[in-house]
Amino acid sequence: MPKQTNDQGSAGLAGRRSQAARNDAAILDAAREVFLADPKAPVSAVAERAGVGMSALYRRYPGKETLLCTLCHDGLRRWIEEAEAVEAEPDAGKALVVFLERIVDADVHSLTVHLAGTFTPTEEMGRDARRAAELMGRLVERAHAAGRLRRDVVADDIGLVLEGCAAVRMPDPERTRELRRRFLSMVLGGLTGPDAAALPGPAPEPGELNWRWRQSG
């Protein structure tokens, strides 16, 4: 009989953990939808969309800034994950294109653009931002060395491309994906075309676009 009690206790603990994980996933999914539509929306709108009580939300995220920080950090980690995944691709041009397509499909930059300045980045986010910049620099250097990317394109120009893709948004998610891929394909033609005219204006300065991940003060 004692063994049965322990088993029941373990099952109950596992059930609570499973429910907590489901709540967390629901909260993050809801927060993404709510804050992409309106970064100033209250956390109560997130709880309502997620179908959880405010107490469940606050147990995991003590405030709105924590929730916003988590969302953006998740996007930054996804960037790093995808950049690391294509490092083994021997074709430098293909590696860059596949990376960009995956980041666009994952909608990573929508969060960055919409939520920038709404929270204070953590030290860990700063470290991950530097790691992301390092990986992006290597992708661009490889593409340059292989003659697959115009020489006047710098790593930070890629951020501008992704922000442009993130601006494409339709009511239908699948149509959004299709149009973003179309836009990306057109832009890539300009990035890789050997006979393209020189790019106007100065290139972004190193780190100029990373202001979102800097700690205030």
N, C-alpha and C. Protein backbone atom coordinates (compact mmCIF):
# COMPACT_ATOMS: atom_id res chain seq x y z
N MET A 1 0.81 -1.23 0.00
CA MET A 1 0.00 0.00 0.00
C MET A 1 0.84 1.28 0.00
N PRO A 2 1.92 1.37 0.76
CA PRO A 2 2.73 2.58 0.71
C PRO A 2 3.26 2.86 -0.69
N LYS A 3 3.63 1.75 -1.40
CA LYS A 3 4.14 1.94 -2.76
C LYS A 3 3.09 2.59 -3.64
N GLN A 4 1.83 2.15 -3.49
CA GLN A 4 0.75 2.72 -4.27
C GLN A 4 0.61 4.22 -3.98
N THR A 5 0.76 4.61 -2.72
CA THR A 5 0.66 6.01 -2.35
C THR A 5 1.75 6.83 -3.03
N ASN A 6 2.99 6.28 -3.01
CA ASN A 6 4.09 6.99 -3.65
C ASN A 6 3.86 7.12 -5.15
N ASP A 7 3.37 6.05 -5.77
CA ASP A 7 3.09 6.10 -7.20
C ASP A 7 2.04 7.16 -7.51
N GLN A 8 1.02 7.19 -6.65
CA GLN A 8 -0.03 8.18 -6.87
C GLN A 8 0.52 9.60 -6.70
N GLY A 9 1.42 9.76 -5.71
CA GLY A 9 2.02 11.07 -5.51
C GLY A 9 2.88 11.48 -6.69
N SER A 10 3.65 10.52 -7.24
CA SER A 10 4.50 10.81 -8.39
C SER A 10 3.67 11.16 -9.60
N ALA A 11 2.57 10.40 -9.78
CA ALA A 11 1.69 10.67 -10.92
C ALA A 11 1.06 12.05 -10.80
N GLY A 12 0.69 12.42 -9.56
CA GLY A 12 0.09 13.74 -9.37
C GLY A 12 1.08 14.85 -9.65
N LEU A 13 2.34 14.65 -9.23
CA LEU A 13 3.38 15.65 -9.47
C LEU A 13 3.65 15.79 -10.97
N ALA A 14 3.72 14.63 -11.64
CA ALA A 14 3.95 14.65 -13.09
C ALA A 14 2.81 15.35 -13.81
N GLY A 15 1.58 15.12 -13.31
CA GLY A 15 0.42 15.75 -13.93
C GLY A 15 0.45 17.26 -13.76
N ARG A 16 0.85 17.72 -12.58
CA ARG A 16 0.93 19.16 -12.33
C ARG A 16 2.02 19.80 -13.19
N ARG A 17 3.14 19.10 -13.33
CA ARG A 17 4.21 19.63 -14.17
C ARG A 17 3.78 19.69 -15.64
N SER A 18 3.07 18.67 -16.06
CA SER A 18 2.58 18.64 -17.43
C SER A 18 1.60 19.78 -17.69
N GLN A 19 0.72 20.02 -16.72
CA GLN A 19 -0.23 21.12 -16.86
C GLN A 19 0.49 22.47 -16.86
N ALA A 20 1.51 22.59 -16.03
CA ALA A 20 2.28 23.85 -15.98
C ALA A 20 2.97 24.09 -17.32
N ALA A 21 3.50 23.02 -17.92
CA ALA A 21 4.16 23.15 -19.22
C ALA A 21 3.16 23.57 -20.30
N ARG A 22 1.96 22.99 -20.23
CA ARG A 22 0.92 23.36 -21.21
C ARG A 22 0.51 24.82 -21.02
N ASN A 23 0.37 25.22 -19.77
CA ASN A 23 0.02 26.62 -19.50
C ASN A 23 1.09 27.57 -20.02
N ASP A 24 2.35 27.19 -19.79
CA ASP A 24 3.45 28.05 -20.23
C ASP A 24 3.45 28.21 -21.74
N ALA A 25 3.26 27.08 -22.46
CA ALA A 25 3.22 27.14 -23.92
C ALA A 25 2.05 27.98 -24.40
N ALA A 26 0.91 27.83 -23.74
CA ALA A 26 -0.28 28.61 -24.12
C ALA A 26 -0.06 30.10 -23.87
N ILE A 27 0.59 30.42 -22.75
CA ILE A 27 0.85 31.82 -22.41
C ILE A 27 1.78 32.46 -23.45
N LEU A 28 2.85 31.76 -23.80
CA LEU A 28 3.81 32.32 -24.76
C LEU A 28 3.19 32.47 -26.14
N ASP A 29 2.41 31.48 -26.56
CA ASP A 29 1.73 31.58 -27.86
C ASP A 29 0.77 32.77 -27.87
N ALA A 30 0.01 32.90 -26.78
CA ALA A 30 -0.95 34.00 -26.69
C ALA A 30 -0.23 35.34 -26.64
N ALA A 31 0.85 35.41 -25.87
CA ALA A 31 1.59 36.66 -25.74
C ALA A 31 2.16 37.10 -27.09
N ARG A 32 2.64 36.16 -27.85
CA ARG A 32 3.16 36.48 -29.18
C ARG A 32 2.07 37.12 -30.05
N GLU A 33 0.89 36.52 -30.06
CA GLU A 33 -0.21 37.04 -30.87
C GLU A 33 -0.67 38.41 -30.35
N VAL A 34 -0.82 38.52 -29.05
CA VAL A 34 -1.34 39.76 -28.46
C VAL A 34 -0.37 40.91 -28.66
N PHE A 35 0.91 40.69 -28.37
CA PHE A 35 1.87 41.80 -28.42
C PHE A 35 2.33 42.13 -29.83
N LEU A 36 2.22 41.19 -30.76
CA LEU A 36 2.48 41.54 -32.16
C LEU A 36 1.39 42.48 -32.66
N ALA A 37 0.17 42.26 -32.20
CA ALA A 37 -0.93 43.13 -32.60
C ALA A 37 -0.87 44.47 -31.89
N ASP A 38 -0.47 44.45 -30.61
CA ASP A 38 -0.43 45.69 -29.82
C ASP A 38 0.58 45.54 -28.68
N PRO A 39 1.80 46.06 -28.86
CA PRO A 39 2.82 45.92 -27.81
C PRO A 39 2.41 46.54 -26.47
N LYS A 40 1.43 47.44 -26.49
CA LYS A 40 1.00 48.10 -25.26
C LYS A 40 -0.16 47.37 -24.57
N ALA A 41 -0.56 46.24 -25.12
CA ALA A 41 -1.68 45.49 -24.53
C ALA A 41 -1.34 45.03 -23.11
N PRO A 42 -2.33 44.96 -22.23
CA PRO A 42 -2.07 44.51 -20.85
C PRO A 42 -1.89 43.00 -20.79
N VAL A 43 -1.26 42.53 -19.75
CA VAL A 43 -1.06 41.09 -19.61
C VAL A 43 -2.38 40.35 -19.42
N SER A 44 -3.41 41.07 -18.96
CA SER A 44 -4.71 40.42 -18.81
C SER A 44 -5.23 39.93 -20.17
N ALA A 45 -4.87 40.64 -21.25
CA ALA A 45 -5.28 40.20 -22.58
C ALA A 45 -4.58 38.90 -22.95
N VAL A 46 -3.36 38.74 -22.48
CA VAL A 46 -2.61 37.49 -22.73
C VAL A 46 -3.27 36.34 -21.98
N ALA A 47 -3.59 36.56 -20.71
CA ALA A 47 -4.22 35.50 -19.91
C ALA A 47 -5.55 35.09 -20.53
N GLU A 48 -6.33 36.07 -20.99
CA GLU A 48 -7.62 35.76 -21.61
C GLU A 48 -7.43 34.95 -22.89
N ARG A 49 -6.47 35.35 -23.72
CA ARG A 49 -6.22 34.63 -24.97
C ARG A 49 -5.72 33.21 -24.70
N ALA A 50 -4.91 33.07 -23.66
CA ALA A 50 -4.34 31.76 -23.33
C ALA A 50 -5.33 30.86 -22.61
N GLY A 51 -6.39 31.44 -22.07
CA GLY A 51 -7.36 30.65 -21.34
C GLY A 51 -6.87 30.23 -19.97
N VAL A 52 -6.03 31.09 -19.36
CA VAL A 52 -5.53 30.79 -18.01
C VAL A 52 -5.86 31.96 -17.10
N GLY A 53 -5.81 31.72 -15.81
CA GLY A 53 -6.05 32.79 -14.85
C GLY A 53 -4.81 33.66 -14.68
N MET A 54 -5.02 34.85 -14.16
CA MET A 54 -3.90 35.75 -13.93
C MET A 54 -2.89 35.15 -12.95
N SER A 55 -3.37 34.40 -11.98
CA SER A 55 -2.46 33.80 -11.00
C SER A 55 -1.51 32.82 -11.68
N ALA A 56 -2.03 32.04 -12.64
CA ALA A 56 -1.20 31.08 -13.38
C ALA A 56 -0.15 31.82 -14.20
N LEU A 57 -0.54 32.94 -14.79
CA LEU A 57 0.41 33.72 -15.59
C LEU A 57 1.49 34.32 -14.70
N TYR A 58 1.08 34.91 -13.59
CA TYR A 58 2.04 35.59 -12.73
C TYR A 58 2.98 34.62 -12.01
N ARG A 59 2.55 33.37 -11.83
CA ARG A 59 3.45 32.39 -11.23
C ARG A 59 4.66 32.16 -12.13
N ARG A 60 4.45 32.24 -13.42
CA ARG A 60 5.54 31.99 -14.37
C ARG A 60 6.23 33.28 -14.80
N TYR A 61 5.45 34.34 -14.94
CA TYR A 61 5.99 35.63 -15.41
C TYR A 61 5.50 36.72 -14.48
N PRO A 62 6.37 37.18 -13.56
CA PRO A 62 5.93 38.12 -12.54
C PRO A 62 5.48 39.48 -13.06
N GLY A 63 5.84 39.80 -14.29
CA GLY A 63 5.42 41.08 -14.86
C GLY A 63 5.48 41.05 -16.37
N LYS A 64 4.93 42.08 -16.98
CA LYS A 64 4.88 42.14 -18.43
C LYS A 64 6.28 42.18 -19.03
N GLU A 65 7.19 42.91 -18.39
CA GLU A 65 8.54 43.03 -18.94
C GLU A 65 9.23 41.67 -19.00
N THR A 66 9.01 40.83 -17.99
CA THR A 66 9.58 39.49 -18.00
C THR A 66 9.05 38.67 -19.16
N LEU A 67 7.77 38.81 -19.43
CA LEU A 67 7.14 38.08 -20.52
C LEU A 67 7.68 38.56 -21.87
N LEU A 68 7.79 39.87 -22.04
CA LEU A 68 8.31 40.42 -23.29
C LEU A 68 9.76 39.99 -23.50
N CYS A 69 10.54 40.03 -22.44
CA CYS A 69 11.94 39.64 -22.52
C CYS A 69 12.06 38.17 -22.93
N THR A 70 11.22 37.32 -22.36
CA THR A 70 11.25 35.90 -22.70
C THR A 70 10.92 35.67 -24.16
N LEU A 71 9.90 36.36 -24.65
CA LEU A 71 9.51 36.21 -26.06
C LEU A 71 10.66 36.58 -26.99
N CYS A 72 11.27 37.72 -26.75
CA CYS A 72 12.35 38.16 -27.63
C CYS A 72 13.59 37.29 -27.49
N HIS A 73 13.86 36.85 -26.29
CA HIS A 73 15.03 35.98 -26.10
C HIS A 73 14.83 34.64 -26.81
N ASP A 74 13.60 34.14 -26.80
CA ASP A 74 13.31 32.91 -27.53
C ASP A 74 13.60 33.10 -29.02
N GLY A 75 13.23 34.26 -29.55
CA GLY A 75 13.52 34.54 -30.96
C GLY A 75 15.01 34.62 -31.23
N LEU A 76 15.75 35.21 -30.32
CA LEU A 76 17.20 35.31 -30.47
C LEU A 76 17.84 33.93 -30.43
N ARG A 77 17.35 33.08 -29.55
CA ARG A 77 17.88 31.71 -29.48
C ARG A 77 17.57 30.94 -30.76
N ARG A 78 16.39 31.18 -31.33
CA ARG A 78 16.04 30.52 -32.58
C ARG A 78 16.99 30.96 -33.70
N TRP A 79 17.33 32.25 -33.73
CA TRP A 79 18.30 32.79 -34.70
C TRP A 79 19.62 32.03 -34.59
N ILE A 80 20.12 31.89 -33.37
CA ILE A 80 21.39 31.20 -33.14
C ILE A 80 21.30 29.74 -33.57
N GLU A 81 20.21 29.10 -33.22
CA GLU A 81 20.00 27.70 -33.57
C GLU A 81 20.04 27.50 -35.09
N GLU A 82 19.35 28.36 -35.83
CA GLU A 82 19.31 28.22 -37.28
C GLU A 82 20.66 28.56 -37.92
N ALA A 83 21.35 29.55 -37.39
CA ALA A 83 22.66 29.92 -37.92
C ALA A 83 23.67 28.79 -37.69
N GLU A 84 23.61 28.17 -36.53
CA GLU A 84 24.52 27.06 -36.24
C GLU A 84 24.19 25.85 -37.12
N ALA A 85 22.90 25.67 -37.42
CA ALA A 85 22.47 24.50 -38.19
C ALA A 85 23.01 24.52 -39.61
N VAL A 86 23.22 25.70 -40.21
CA VAL A 86 23.67 25.76 -41.60
C VAL A 86 25.19 25.87 -41.72
N GLU A 87 25.90 25.91 -40.60
CA GLU A 87 27.35 26.03 -40.69
C GLU A 87 27.99 24.83 -41.37
N ALA A 88 27.34 23.67 -41.29
CA ALA A 88 27.90 22.47 -41.90
C ALA A 88 27.60 22.38 -43.40
N GLU A 89 26.76 23.27 -43.92
CA GLU A 89 26.42 23.26 -45.34
C GLU A 89 27.65 23.71 -46.15
N PRO A 90 28.17 22.86 -47.05
CA PRO A 90 29.38 23.23 -47.78
C PRO A 90 29.19 24.36 -48.80
N ASP A 91 27.97 24.52 -49.30
CA ASP A 91 27.69 25.58 -50.27
C ASP A 91 27.36 26.86 -49.50
N ALA A 92 28.28 27.82 -49.53
CA ALA A 92 28.11 29.04 -48.73
C ALA A 92 26.89 29.84 -49.13
N GLY A 93 26.61 29.88 -50.44
CA GLY A 93 25.44 30.62 -50.90
C GLY A 93 24.16 29.97 -50.43
N LYS A 94 24.11 28.65 -50.52
CA LYS A 94 22.92 27.93 -50.07
C LYS A 94 22.74 28.07 -48.56
N ALA A 95 23.85 28.05 -47.82
CA ALA A 95 23.77 28.19 -46.36
C ALA A 95 23.10 29.50 -45.99
N LEU A 96 23.48 30.58 -46.65
CA LEU A 96 22.91 31.89 -46.35
C LEU A 96 21.42 31.94 -46.70
N VAL A 97 21.07 31.41 -47.87
CA VAL A 97 19.68 31.43 -48.32
C VAL A 97 18.80 30.59 -47.39
N VAL A 98 19.25 29.39 -47.05
CA VAL A 98 18.47 28.51 -46.17
C VAL A 98 18.28 29.16 -44.81
N PHE A 99 19.33 29.76 -44.29
CA PHE A 99 19.21 30.46 -43.00
C PHE A 99 18.15 31.54 -43.07
N LEU A 100 18.22 32.38 -44.09
CA LEU A 100 17.26 33.48 -44.22
C LEU A 100 15.84 32.96 -44.36
N GLU A 101 15.63 31.93 -45.15
CA GLU A 101 14.30 31.37 -45.34
C GLU A 101 13.74 30.84 -44.03
N ARG A 102 14.57 30.18 -43.25
CA ARG A 102 14.10 29.62 -41.98
C ARG A 102 13.77 30.71 -40.97
N ILE A 103 14.58 31.76 -40.94
CA ILE A 103 14.32 32.85 -40.01
C ILE A 103 13.04 33.59 -40.41
N VAL A 104 12.85 33.79 -41.71
CA VAL A 104 11.63 34.45 -42.18
C VAL A 104 10.41 33.60 -41.86
N ASP A 105 10.48 32.30 -42.11
CA ASP A 105 9.34 31.42 -41.82
C ASP A 105 9.02 31.37 -40.33
N ALA A 106 10.06 31.45 -39.50
CA ALA A 106 9.85 31.41 -38.05
C ALA A 106 9.34 32.74 -37.50
N ASP A 107 9.34 33.79 -38.32
CA ASP A 107 8.82 35.11 -37.94
C ASP A 107 9.58 35.68 -36.75
N VAL A 108 10.86 35.40 -36.68
CA VAL A 108 11.67 35.88 -35.56
C VAL A 108 11.71 37.39 -35.49
N HIS A 109 11.86 38.05 -36.63
CA HIS A 109 12.08 39.49 -36.62
C HIS A 109 10.83 40.30 -36.29
N SER A 110 9.66 39.73 -36.47
CA SER A 110 8.45 40.47 -36.12
C SER A 110 8.46 40.86 -34.64
N LEU A 111 8.86 39.92 -33.80
CA LEU A 111 8.93 40.21 -32.37
C LEU A 111 9.98 41.27 -32.08
N THR A 112 11.14 41.14 -32.70
CA THR A 112 12.21 42.10 -32.47
C THR A 112 11.77 43.51 -32.83
N VAL A 113 11.17 43.65 -34.00
CA VAL A 113 10.77 44.97 -34.49
C VAL A 113 9.66 45.56 -33.62
N HIS A 114 8.65 44.75 -33.29
CA HIS A 114 7.50 45.28 -32.57
C HIS A 114 7.77 45.53 -31.09
N LEU A 115 8.65 44.72 -30.49
CA LEU A 115 8.83 44.80 -29.05
C LEU A 115 10.10 45.54 -28.63
N ALA A 116 10.88 46.01 -29.58
CA ALA A 116 12.12 46.73 -29.25
C ALA A 116 11.82 47.93 -28.37
N GLY A 117 12.59 48.06 -27.31
CA GLY A 117 12.44 49.21 -26.42
C GLY A 117 11.36 49.06 -25.37
N THR A 118 10.67 47.89 -25.34
CA THR A 118 9.59 47.71 -24.38
C THR A 118 10.04 46.97 -23.12
N PHE A 119 11.32 46.57 -23.08
CA PHE A 119 11.84 45.87 -21.91
C PHE A 119 13.34 46.12 -21.85
N THR A 120 13.92 45.82 -20.70
CA THR A 120 15.36 45.97 -20.52
C THR A 120 16.04 44.63 -20.79
N PRO A 121 16.90 44.55 -21.80
CA PRO A 121 17.57 43.27 -22.10
C PRO A 121 18.45 42.82 -20.94
N THR A 122 18.54 41.52 -20.77
CA THR A 122 19.39 40.95 -19.72
C THR A 122 20.82 40.79 -20.24
N GLU A 123 21.73 40.52 -19.31
CA GLU A 123 23.12 40.26 -19.70
C GLU A 123 23.19 39.03 -20.61
N GLU A 124 22.39 38.02 -20.31
CA GLU A 124 22.39 36.81 -21.14
C GLU A 124 21.95 37.12 -22.56
N MET A 125 20.96 37.97 -22.69
CA MET A 125 20.53 38.37 -24.03
C MET A 125 21.65 39.09 -24.77
N GLY A 126 22.39 39.92 -24.05
CA GLY A 126 23.51 40.61 -24.66
C GLY A 126 24.55 39.64 -25.17
N ARG A 127 24.84 38.61 -24.37
CA ARG A 127 25.81 37.58 -24.81
C ARG A 127 25.28 36.84 -26.03
N ASP A 128 24.01 36.50 -26.02
CA ASP A 128 23.44 35.78 -27.15
C ASP A 128 23.39 36.66 -28.40
N ALA A 129 23.16 37.95 -28.21
CA ALA A 129 23.16 38.87 -29.35
C ALA A 129 24.54 38.92 -29.99
N ARG A 130 25.58 38.92 -29.16
CA ARG A 130 26.95 38.91 -29.70
C ARG A 130 27.23 37.60 -30.42
N ARG A 131 26.73 36.50 -29.89
CA ARG A 131 26.90 35.21 -30.54
C ARG A 131 26.17 35.19 -31.89
N ALA A 132 24.98 35.73 -31.93
CA ALA A 132 24.22 35.80 -33.18
C ALA A 132 24.95 36.64 -34.21
N ALA A 133 25.52 37.77 -33.78
CA ALA A 133 26.26 38.63 -34.70
C ALA A 133 27.50 37.92 -35.23
N GLU A 134 28.15 37.16 -34.37
CA GLU A 134 29.34 36.41 -34.80
C GLU A 134 28.97 35.38 -35.86
N LEU A 135 27.89 34.66 -35.64
CA LEU A 135 27.45 33.64 -36.60
C LEU A 135 27.04 34.27 -37.92
N MET A 136 26.34 35.40 -37.85
CA MET A 136 25.92 36.09 -39.06
C MET A 136 27.13 36.58 -39.84
N GLY A 137 28.12 37.08 -39.12
CA GLY A 137 29.34 37.53 -39.78
C GLY A 137 30.03 36.41 -40.52
N ARG A 138 30.05 35.23 -39.92
CA ARG A 138 30.70 34.09 -40.59
C ARG A 138 29.94 33.67 -41.83
N LEU A 139 28.61 33.68 -41.76
CA LEU A 139 27.81 33.33 -42.93
C LEU A 139 28.10 34.28 -44.10
N VAL A 140 28.15 35.56 -43.79
CA VAL A 140 28.40 36.56 -44.83
C VAL A 140 29.82 36.44 -45.37
N GLU A 141 30.79 36.23 -44.50
CA GLU A 141 32.17 36.07 -44.94
C GLU A 141 32.32 34.87 -45.88
N ARG A 142 31.68 33.78 -45.53
CA ARG A 142 31.74 32.59 -46.38
C ARG A 142 31.12 32.87 -47.75
N ALA A 143 29.98 33.55 -47.75
CA ALA A 143 29.32 33.86 -49.02
C ALA A 143 30.17 34.80 -49.87
N HIS A 144 30.83 35.76 -49.22
CA HIS A 144 31.74 36.65 -49.94
C HIS A 144 32.88 35.85 -50.57
N ALA A 145 33.50 35.00 -49.75
CA ALA A 145 34.66 34.24 -50.21
C ALA A 145 34.32 33.33 -51.38
N ALA A 146 33.08 32.84 -51.41
CA ALA A 146 32.64 31.95 -52.48
C ALA A 146 32.12 32.70 -53.69
N GLY A 147 32.11 34.03 -53.63
CA GLY A 147 31.59 34.81 -54.73
C GLY A 147 30.08 34.73 -54.88
N ARG A 148 29.40 34.43 -53.78
CA ARG A 148 27.94 34.26 -53.82
C ARG A 148 27.19 35.44 -53.22
N LEU A 149 27.91 36.49 -52.86
CA LEU A 149 27.29 37.66 -52.26
C LEU A 149 28.07 38.89 -52.69
N ARG A 150 27.36 39.91 -53.10
CA ARG A 150 28.04 41.12 -53.56
C ARG A 150 28.92 41.69 -52.45
N ARG A 151 30.06 42.24 -52.84
CA ARG A 151 31.08 42.62 -51.88
C ARG A 151 30.67 43.78 -50.99
N ASP A 152 29.76 44.63 -51.46
CA ASP A 152 29.41 45.79 -50.63
C ASP A 152 28.29 45.50 -49.64
N VAL A 153 27.86 44.25 -49.54
CA VAL A 153 26.87 43.86 -48.54
C VAL A 153 27.60 43.46 -47.26
N VAL A 154 27.20 44.04 -46.13
CA VAL A 154 27.79 43.70 -44.84
C VAL A 154 26.78 42.89 -44.03
N ALA A 155 27.28 42.30 -42.97
CA ALA A 155 26.43 41.42 -42.16
C ALA A 155 25.18 42.14 -41.65
N ASP A 156 25.33 43.39 -41.24
CA ASP A 156 24.18 44.11 -40.68
C ASP A 156 23.15 44.46 -41.74
N ASP A 157 23.53 44.41 -43.03
CA ASP A 157 22.53 44.60 -44.08
C ASP A 157 21.49 43.49 -44.04
N ILE A 158 21.89 42.31 -43.60
CA ILE A 158 20.96 41.18 -43.54
C ILE A 158 19.83 41.47 -42.57
N GLY A 159 20.15 42.20 -41.49
CA GLY A 159 19.10 42.59 -40.55
C GLY A 159 18.05 43.46 -41.21
N LEU A 160 18.48 44.33 -42.11
CA LEU A 160 17.53 45.18 -42.82
C LEU A 160 16.63 44.35 -43.72
N VAL A 161 17.19 43.35 -44.37
CA VAL A 161 16.40 42.44 -45.22
C VAL A 161 15.32 41.75 -44.38
N LEU A 162 15.71 41.26 -43.22
CA LEU A 162 14.76 40.53 -42.38
C LEU A 162 13.69 41.45 -41.80
N GLU A 163 14.05 42.68 -41.50
CA GLU A 163 13.04 43.63 -41.02
C GLU A 163 12.04 43.93 -42.12
N GLY A 164 12.53 44.02 -43.37
CA GLY A 164 11.62 44.23 -44.49
C GLY A 164 10.66 43.07 -44.66
N CYS A 165 11.17 41.86 -44.52
CA CYS A 165 10.30 40.68 -44.62
C CYS A 165 9.26 40.67 -43.51
N ALA A 166 9.66 41.06 -42.30
CA ALA A 166 8.75 41.06 -41.16
C ALA A 166 7.61 42.05 -41.35
N ALA A 167 7.83 43.09 -42.18
CA ALA A 167 6.78 44.09 -42.40
C ALA A 167 5.65 43.56 -43.26
N VAL A 168 5.89 42.46 -43.96
CA VAL A 168 4.85 41.85 -44.80
C VAL A 168 3.95 41.00 -43.91
N ARG A 169 2.71 41.37 -43.77
CA ARG A 169 1.79 40.64 -42.89
C ARG A 169 0.38 40.69 -43.47
N MET A 170 -0.23 39.53 -43.60
CA MET A 170 -1.59 39.39 -44.11
C MET A 170 -2.45 38.71 -43.06
N PRO A 171 -3.78 38.81 -43.18
CA PRO A 171 -4.65 38.13 -42.21
C PRO A 171 -4.45 36.62 -42.21
N ASP A 172 -4.12 36.06 -43.38
CA ASP A 172 -3.91 34.61 -43.50
C ASP A 172 -2.43 34.30 -43.30
N PRO A 173 -2.07 33.52 -42.28
CA PRO A 173 -0.66 33.21 -42.02
C PRO A 173 0.05 32.56 -43.19
N GLU A 174 -0.63 31.68 -43.91
CA GLU A 174 0.00 31.01 -45.04
C GLU A 174 0.29 32.00 -46.16
N ARG A 175 -0.64 32.94 -46.40
CA ARG A 175 -0.39 33.96 -47.42
C ARG A 175 0.75 34.89 -46.99
N THR A 176 0.84 35.16 -45.70
CA THR A 176 1.96 35.95 -45.19
C THR A 176 3.27 35.25 -45.50
N ARG A 177 3.32 33.95 -45.26
CA ARG A 177 4.54 33.19 -45.54
C ARG A 177 4.89 33.23 -47.02
N GLU A 178 3.90 33.06 -47.87
CA GLU A 178 4.14 33.06 -49.32
C GLU A 178 4.70 34.40 -49.78
N LEU A 179 4.09 35.50 -49.33
CA LEU A 179 4.52 36.82 -49.77
C LEU A 179 5.89 37.19 -49.20
N ARG A 180 6.15 36.75 -47.98
CA ARG A 180 7.47 37.01 -47.41
C ARG A 180 8.55 36.28 -48.19
N ARG A 181 8.27 35.03 -48.55
CA ARG A 181 9.24 34.28 -49.35
C ARG A 181 9.45 34.96 -50.70
N ARG A 182 8.38 35.47 -51.30
CA ARG A 182 8.49 36.16 -52.59
C ARG A 182 9.36 37.42 -52.45
N PHE A 183 9.08 38.19 -51.41
CA PHE A 183 9.86 39.40 -51.18
C PHE A 183 11.33 39.06 -50.94
N LEU A 184 11.56 38.03 -50.13
CA LEU A 184 12.94 37.61 -49.84
C LEU A 184 13.66 37.20 -51.11
N SER A 185 12.97 36.47 -51.98
CA SER A 185 13.58 36.03 -53.23
C SER A 185 13.98 37.21 -54.10
N MET A 186 13.13 38.23 -54.14
CA MET A 186 13.46 39.42 -54.93
C MET A 186 14.67 40.14 -54.35
N VAL A 187 14.71 40.25 -53.02
CA VAL A 187 15.83 40.93 -52.38
C VAL A 187 17.12 40.15 -52.58
N LEU A 188 17.04 38.83 -52.49
CA LEU A 188 18.23 38.01 -52.68
C LEU A 188 18.81 38.18 -54.07
N GLY A 189 17.96 38.44 -55.06
CA GLY A 189 18.45 38.71 -56.40
C GLY A 189 19.36 39.92 -56.42
N GLY A 190 19.02 40.94 -55.64
CA GLY A 190 19.85 42.13 -55.55
C GLY A 190 21.11 41.91 -54.73
N LEU A 191 21.04 41.00 -53.77
CA LEU A 191 22.20 40.74 -52.92
C LEU A 191 23.27 39.93 -53.64
N THR A 192 22.83 39.08 -54.55
CA THR A 192 23.77 38.15 -55.18
C THR A 192 24.09 38.49 -56.62
N GLY A 193 23.36 39.45 -57.20
CA GLY A 193 23.58 39.77 -58.60
C GLY A 193 24.94 40.39 -58.84
N PRO A 194 25.77 39.78 -59.70
CA PRO A 194 27.13 40.30 -59.90
C PRO A 194 27.18 41.63 -60.64
N ASP A 195 26.14 41.95 -61.42
CA ASP A 195 26.15 43.17 -62.22
C ASP A 195 25.27 44.27 -61.63
N ALA A 196 24.86 44.09 -60.38
CA ALA A 196 23.97 45.07 -59.76
C ALA A 196 24.71 46.38 -59.52
N ALA A 197 23.96 47.48 -59.56
CA ALA A 197 24.55 48.79 -59.29
C ALA A 197 24.96 48.88 -57.83
N ALA A 198 25.87 49.79 -57.55
CA ALA A 198 26.35 49.97 -56.17
C ALA A 198 25.20 50.35 -55.26
N LEU A 199 25.25 49.87 -54.04
CA LEU A 199 24.20 50.17 -53.07
C LEU A 199 24.29 51.63 -52.63
N PRO A 200 23.16 52.30 -52.47
CA PRO A 200 23.19 53.71 -52.03
C PRO A 200 23.41 53.81 -50.53
N GLY A 201 23.96 54.93 -50.12
CA GLY A 201 24.10 55.20 -48.69
C GLY A 201 25.18 54.36 -48.03
N PRO A 202 25.65 54.77 -46.88
CA PRO A 202 26.65 53.98 -46.14
C PRO A 202 26.02 52.72 -45.56
N ALA A 203 26.81 51.68 -45.46
CA ALA A 203 26.34 50.43 -44.86
C ALA A 203 26.12 50.64 -43.36
N PRO A 204 25.28 49.82 -42.75
CA PRO A 204 25.13 49.92 -41.29
C PRO A 204 26.47 49.76 -40.59
N GLU A 205 26.69 50.55 -39.56
CA GLU A 205 27.92 50.42 -38.78
C GLU A 205 27.87 49.13 -37.98
N PRO A 206 29.03 48.53 -37.68
CA PRO A 206 29.04 47.31 -36.87
C PRO A 206 28.29 47.51 -35.56
N GLY A 207 27.31 46.68 -35.32
CA GLY A 207 26.52 46.76 -34.09
C GLY A 207 25.45 47.82 -34.08
N GLU A 208 25.31 48.59 -35.15
CA GLU A 208 24.34 49.69 -35.17
C GLU A 208 22.91 49.20 -34.96
N LEU A 209 22.61 48.03 -35.50
CA LEU A 209 21.25 47.49 -35.41
C LEU A 209 21.03 46.66 -34.15
N ASN A 210 22.05 46.55 -33.31
CA ASN A 210 21.93 45.73 -32.10
C ASN A 210 21.52 46.52 -30.88
N TRP A 211 21.04 47.75 -31.08
CA TRP A 211 20.66 48.58 -29.94
C TRP A 211 19.56 47.94 -29.10
N ARG A 212 18.78 47.04 -29.70
CA ARG A 212 17.68 46.41 -28.95
C ARG A 212 18.16 45.54 -27.82
N TRP A 213 19.39 45.02 -27.94
CA TRP A 213 19.87 44.06 -26.96
C TRP A 213 20.83 44.67 -25.96
N ARG A 214 20.95 45.99 -25.98
CA ARG A 214 21.83 46.65 -25.04
C ARG A 214 21.08 46.98 -23.75
N GLN A 215 21.76 46.79 -22.65
CA GLN A 215 21.14 47.12 -21.37
C GLN A 215 21.15 48.63 -21.18
N SER A 216 20.06 49.14 -20.68
CA SER A 216 19.99 50.58 -20.42
C SER A 216 20.87 50.94 -19.25
N GLY A 217 21.40 52.17 -19.32
CA GLY A 217 22.26 52.61 -18.24
C GLY A 217 23.67 52.08 -18.37
